[in-house]
Amino acid sequence: QEELVESGGGLVQVGGSLRLSCVASGFSLKNYAVGWFRQAPGEEPEGIACLNIRGDKTYYTNFVQGRFTISRDSAKNTVFLQMNSLDSVDTAVYYCAALGGISTPEAMCLIGRMGMDYWGKGTPVTVSS
C-alpha cells in the first residue's frame, strides 16, 4: 500500500520546538518532490516548506522562513520538518505530500492538495501560550 504517515505532532508551549516525521511506504521519495502543508481551523491547507526532487533546493513561506527546516533521509524514506520558535499561529494540522514531475519547490508549495500524488493523514500541532 502506497501511503505517507506523519508523526511527531503534539502540544508545545510558545517558543518551543517540535520535529515532525513523514514515512513513505510502497514508493520511494527519491523520485518525488516533497513538502509540508498545514491547515488551521476554518482555512484551506497551505504549503509552508517544500523540497525539490534532487533534494538541493528548498522553499519556505515567509511565515516559517528561518524557523522551520525541511529535510529528507532517503535511506529511511522519510521527510522531516524541524520547527523552532513556535508561536500560537503555528497551531494547525500538518500534512506531508509528495509530487512527481514538478520543477521547483516553490511550485509544489503553491499547488493545492488536489494536485498532489500523495497526501498523508496529518498530525496535529497545538502551540499554547
Foldseek 3Di string as FASTA:
>chain_A
DWAKAKDWADEAAAQAKIKMKIATPPDFLLQWKKFKWWDDPPGFIFTAKIAGNNRPDMDGDPVQPPFWDWHADRVRSMIMIIGGRDDQVPWTWMKMFIAHPDDHRVVVRHDGPVRTPHIHPTDTHGYHD
